[in-house]
C-alpha atoms as a PDB file:
ATOM      1  CA  UNK A   1       0.000   0.000   0.000  1.00  0.00           C
ATOM      2  CA  UNK A   2       1.255   3.549  -0.735  1.00  0.00           C
ATOM      3  CA  UNK A   3       2.387   5.495   2.314  1.00  0.00           C
ATOM      4  CA  UNK A   4       1.586   9.120   3.162  1.00  0.00           C
ATOM      5  CA  UNK A   5      -0.393   9.608  -0.038  1.00  0.00           C
ATOM      6  CA  UNK A   6       2.496   8.676  -2.356  1.00  0.00           C
ATOM      7  CA  UNK A   7       1.478   6.890  -5.550  1.00  0.00           C
ATOM      8  CA  UNK A   8       2.070   3.144  -5.706  1.00  0.00           C
ATOM      9  CA  UNK A   9       5.269   2.324  -7.593  1.00  0.00           C
ATOM     10  CA  UNK A  10       6.723   5.773  -6.959  1.00  0.00           C
ATOM     11  CA  UNK A  11      10.370   6.574  -6.412  1.00  0.00           C
ATOM     12  CA  UNK A  12      10.143   5.791  -2.697  1.00  0.00           C
ATOM     13  CA  UNK A  13       8.781   2.253  -2.757  1.00  0.00           C
ATOM     14  CA  UNK A  14       8.633   0.514   0.585  1.00  0.00           C
ATOM     15  CA  UNK A  15      11.071  -2.404   0.987  1.00  0.00           C
ATOM     16  CA  UNK A  16       9.520  -5.861   1.010  1.00  0.00           C
ATOM     17  CA  UNK A  17       7.942  -6.838   4.315  1.00  0.00           C
ATOM     18  CA  UNK A  18      10.089  -8.769   6.753  1.00  0.00           C
ATOM     19  CA  UNK A  19      13.487  -7.527   5.578  1.00  0.00           C
ATOM     20  CA  UNK A  20      16.000  -6.267   8.159  1.00  0.00           C
ATOM     21  CA  UNK A  21      16.516  -2.514   8.516  1.00  0.00           C
ATOM     22  CA  UNK A  22      18.612  -1.180   5.667  1.00  0.00           C
ATOM     23  CA  UNK A  23      17.921  -4.104   3.312  1.00  0.00           C
ATOM     24  CA  UNK A  24      16.067  -2.744   0.295  1.00  0.00           C
ATOM     25  CA  UNK A  25      15.389  -5.777  -1.922  1.00  0.00           C
ATOM     26  CA  UNK A  26      14.957  -9.524  -2.158  1.00  0.00           C
ATOM     27  CA  UNK A  27      15.273 -11.883  -5.123  1.00  0.00           C
ATOM     28  CA  UNK A  28      14.286 -10.415  -8.489  1.00  0.00           C
ATOM     29  CA  UNK A  29      14.032  -6.920  -6.948  1.00  0.00           C
ATOM     30  CA  UNK A  30      17.824  -7.091  -6.404  1.00  0.00           C
ATOM     31  CA  UNK A  31      18.769  -8.078  -9.969  1.00  0.00           C
ATOM     32  CA  UNK A  32      21.019  -5.453 -11.489  1.00  0.00           C
ATOM     33  CA  UNK A  33      21.329  -3.488  -8.248  1.00  0.00           C
ATOM     34  CA  UNK A  34      24.440  -2.485  -6.278  1.00  0.00           C
ATOM     35  CA  UNK A  35      24.775  -4.915  -3.332  1.00  0.00           C
ATOM     36  CA  UNK A  36      26.107  -2.263  -0.923  1.00  0.00           C
ATOM     37  CA  UNK A  37      23.533   0.387  -1.854  1.00  0.00           C
ATOM     38  CA  UNK A  38      20.704  -2.122  -1.400  1.00  0.00           C
ATOM     39  CA  UNK A  39      21.970  -3.296   2.003  1.00  0.00           C
ATOM     40  CA  UNK A  40      22.830  -6.830   0.872  1.00  0.00           C
ATOM     41  CA  UNK A  41      26.584  -6.614   1.543  1.00  0.00           C
ATOM     42  CA  UNK A  42      28.464  -6.376   4.816  1.00  0.00           C
ATOM     43  CA  UNK A  43      27.010  -8.490   7.593  1.00  0.00           C
ATOM     44  CA  UNK A  44      24.397  -9.992   5.227  1.00  0.00           C
ATOM     45  CA  UNK A  45      26.907 -11.388   2.715  1.00  0.00           C
ATOM     46  CA  UNK A  46      29.385 -14.222   2.712  1.00  0.00           C
ATOM     47  CA  UNK A  47      31.970 -15.440   0.241  1.00  0.00           C
ATOM     48  CA  UNK A  48      30.875 -18.850  -1.033  1.00  0.00           C
ATOM     49  CA  UNK A  49      33.610 -19.493  -3.623  1.00  0.00           C
ATOM     50  CA  UNK A  50      37.080 -18.034  -4.224  1.00  0.00           C
ATOM     51  CA  UNK A  51      39.359 -18.796  -7.171  1.00  0.00           C
ATOM     52  CA  UNK A  52      42.811 -17.419  -7.980  1.00  0.00           C
ATOM     53  CA  UNK A  53      43.150 -16.223 -11.566  1.00  0.00           C
ATOM     54  CA  UNK A  54      46.700 -15.136 -12.229  1.00  0.00           C
ATOM     55  CA  UNK A  55      47.505 -12.604  -9.510  1.00  0.00           C
ATOM     56  CA  UNK A  56      43.835 -11.690  -8.982  1.00  0.00           C
ATOM     57  CA  UNK A  57      41.107 -13.395  -6.980  1.00  0.00           C
ATOM     58  CA  UNK A  58      37.500 -13.781  -8.062  1.00  0.00           C
ATOM     59  CA  UNK A  59      34.847 -14.477  -5.432  1.00  0.00           C
ATOM     60  CA  UNK A  60      31.165 -15.270  -5.471  1.00  0.00           C
ATOM     61  CA  UNK A  61      29.460 -13.294  -2.699  1.00  0.00           C
ATOM     62  CA  UNK A  62      26.001 -14.413  -1.570  1.00  0.00           C
ATOM     63  CA  UNK A  63      23.372 -12.742   0.576  1.00  0.00           C
ATOM     64  CA  UNK A  64      20.780 -15.160   1.910  1.00  0.00           C
ATOM     65  CA  UNK A  65      18.549 -12.353   3.238  1.00  0.00           C
ATOM     66  CA  UNK A  66      18.500 -10.800  -0.266  1.00  0.00           C
ATOM     67  CA  UNK A  67      18.439 -14.110  -2.212  1.00  0.00           C
ATOM     68  CA  UNK A  68      21.081 -12.593  -4.456  1.00  0.00           C
ATOM     69  CA  UNK A  69      24.710 -13.070  -5.444  1.00  0.00           C
ATOM     70  CA  UNK A  70      27.441 -11.045  -7.097  1.00  0.00           C
ATOM     71  CA  UNK A  71      31.043 -11.477  -8.181  1.00  0.00           C
ATOM     72  CA  UNK A  72      33.928  -9.586  -6.621  1.00  0.00           C
ATOM     73  CA  UNK A  73      37.379  -9.257  -8.161  1.00  0.00           C
ATOM     74  CA  UNK A  74      40.289  -8.276  -5.913  1.00  0.00           C
ATOM     75  CA  UNK A  75      44.000  -7.696  -6.474  1.00  0.00           C
ATOM     76  CA  UNK A  76      43.087  -6.852 -10.071  1.00  0.00           C
ATOM     77  CA  UNK A  77      44.531  -4.372 -12.516  1.00  0.00           C
ATOM     78  CA  UNK A  78      42.975  -1.651 -14.682  1.00  0.00           C
ATOM     79  CA  UNK A  79      41.149  -3.228 -17.618  1.00  0.00           C
ATOM     80  CA  UNK A  80      40.615  -6.583 -15.910  1.00  0.00           C
ATOM     81  CA  UNK A  81      36.971  -7.649 -16.067  1.00  0.00           C
ATOM     82  CA  UNK A  82      34.668  -9.671 -13.843  1.00  0.00           C
ATOM     83  CA  UNK A  83      31.387 -11.250 -14.879  1.00  0.00           C
ATOM     84  CA  UNK A  84      28.696 -13.300 -13.194  1.00  0.00           C
ATOM     85  CA  UNK A  85      26.247 -15.771 -14.652  1.00  0.00           C
ATOM     86  CA  UNK A  86      23.235 -17.106 -12.841  1.00  0.00           C
ATOM     87  CA  UNK A  87      19.491 -17.480 -13.028  1.00  0.00           C
ATOM     88  CA  UNK A  88      18.858 -13.790 -13.769  1.00  0.00           C
ATOM     89  CA  UNK A  89      22.232 -12.608 -15.090  1.00  0.00           C
ATOM     90  CA  UNK A  90      22.483 -10.313 -18.088  1.00  0.00           C
ATOM     91  CA  UNK A  91      25.412  -8.858 -20.005  1.00  0.00           C
ATOM     92  CA  UNK A  92      24.495  -5.411 -18.689  1.00  0.00           C
ATOM     93  CA  UNK A  93      25.230  -6.621 -15.155  1.00  0.00           C
ATOM     94  CA  UNK A  94      28.890  -7.309 -15.870  1.00  0.00           C
ATOM     95  CA  UNK A  95      31.522  -4.755 -15.022  1.00  0.00           C
ATOM     96  CA  UNK A  96      34.995  -3.668 -16.043  1.00  0.00           C
ATOM     97  CA  UNK A  97      37.537  -2.945 -13.339  1.00  0.00           C
ATOM     98  CA  UNK A  98      39.098   0.505 -13.170  1.00  0.00           C
ATOM     99  CA  UNK A  99      40.706   0.028  -9.759  1.00  0.00           C
ATOM    100  CA  UNK A 100      42.194  -2.932  -7.871  1.00  0.00           C
ATOM    101  CA  UNK A 101      38.809  -4.161  -6.637  1.00  0.00           C
ATOM    102  CA  UNK A 102      35.426  -4.307  -8.309  1.00  0.00           C
ATOM    103  CA  UNK A 103      32.173  -6.178  -8.076  1.00  0.00           C
ATOM    104  CA  UNK A 104      29.231  -6.826 -10.345  1.00  0.00           C
ATOM    105  CA  UNK A 105      25.635  -5.854  -9.716  1.00  0.00           C
ATOM    106  CA  UNK A 106      23.546  -8.600  -8.137  1.00  0.00           C
ATOM    107  CA  UNK A 107      21.739 -11.508  -9.742  1.00  0.00           C
ATOM    108  CA  UNK A 108      18.735 -13.174  -8.125  1.00  0.00           C
ATOM    109  CA  UNK A 109      19.477 -16.779  -7.142  1.00  0.00           C
ATOM    110  CA  UNK A 110      17.798 -19.535  -5.159  1.00  0.00           C
ATOM    111  CA  UNK A 111      21.149 -20.869  -3.929  1.00  0.00           C
ATOM    112  CA  UNK A 112      24.801 -19.883  -4.363  1.00  0.00           C
ATOM    113  CA  UNK A 113      25.522 -23.035  -6.388  1.00  0.00           C
ATOM    114  CA  UNK A 114      23.454 -21.501  -9.219  1.00  0.00           C
ATOM    115  CA  UNK A 115      26.121 -18.834  -9.813  1.00  0.00           C
ATOM    116  CA  UNK A 116      29.481 -18.790 -11.563  1.00  0.00           C
ATOM    117  CA  UNK A 117      31.905 -15.848 -11.584  1.00  0.00           C
ATOM    118  CA  UNK A 118      34.577 -15.377 -14.228  1.00  0.00           C
ATOM    119  CA  UNK A 119      37.459 -12.951 -14.646  1.00  0.00           C
ATOM    120  CA  UNK A 120      39.486 -11.960 -17.668  1.00  0.00           C
ATOM    121  CA  UNK A 121      42.777 -10.214 -16.964  1.00  0.00           C
ATOM    122  CA  UNK A 122      44.461  -7.839 -19.397  1.00  0.00           C
ATOM    123  CA  UNK A 123      47.360 -10.330 -19.486  1.00  0.00           C
ATOM    124  CA  UNK A 124      44.991 -12.721 -21.283  1.00  0.00           C
ATOM    125  CA  UNK A 125      44.562 -15.001 -18.271  1.00  0.00           C
ATOM    126  CA  UNK A 126      40.966 -16.165 -17.828  1.00  0.00           C
ATOM    127  CA  UNK A 127      39.270 -18.273 -15.197  1.00  0.00           C
ATOM    128  CA  UNK A 128      36.023 -19.020 -13.395  1.00  0.00           C
ATOM    129  CA  UNK A 129      34.855 -20.254 -10.037  1.00  0.00           C
ATOM    130  CA  UNK A 130      33.995 -23.942  -9.873  1.00  0.00           C
END
């Protein structure tokens, strides 16, 4: 229901019922969103898979409360890329690194095993999580 006379579907939609304070989405609502901005990171996220690719590390991060996952690339170089594939992944959700750490927007997933993260380094080295 709209609050304080605001139209339904307006810019200030209420978060889904039952979510902890600061968590703004769950499942499909999270797809394509920034995990930190939507409150899915930090204490609500855990690393479920880590793989070394050259000198970089690619991780799959999963938030059970948000039913969403994202890929994080650390110890990377400018031009290295990280991508994630999962139940709701799209090419637009994949990001290029401009600093030594980057992460993709979220994809909605039932379980972390549904997700695979891949990195491509400017050196030509490629790899994915198992």
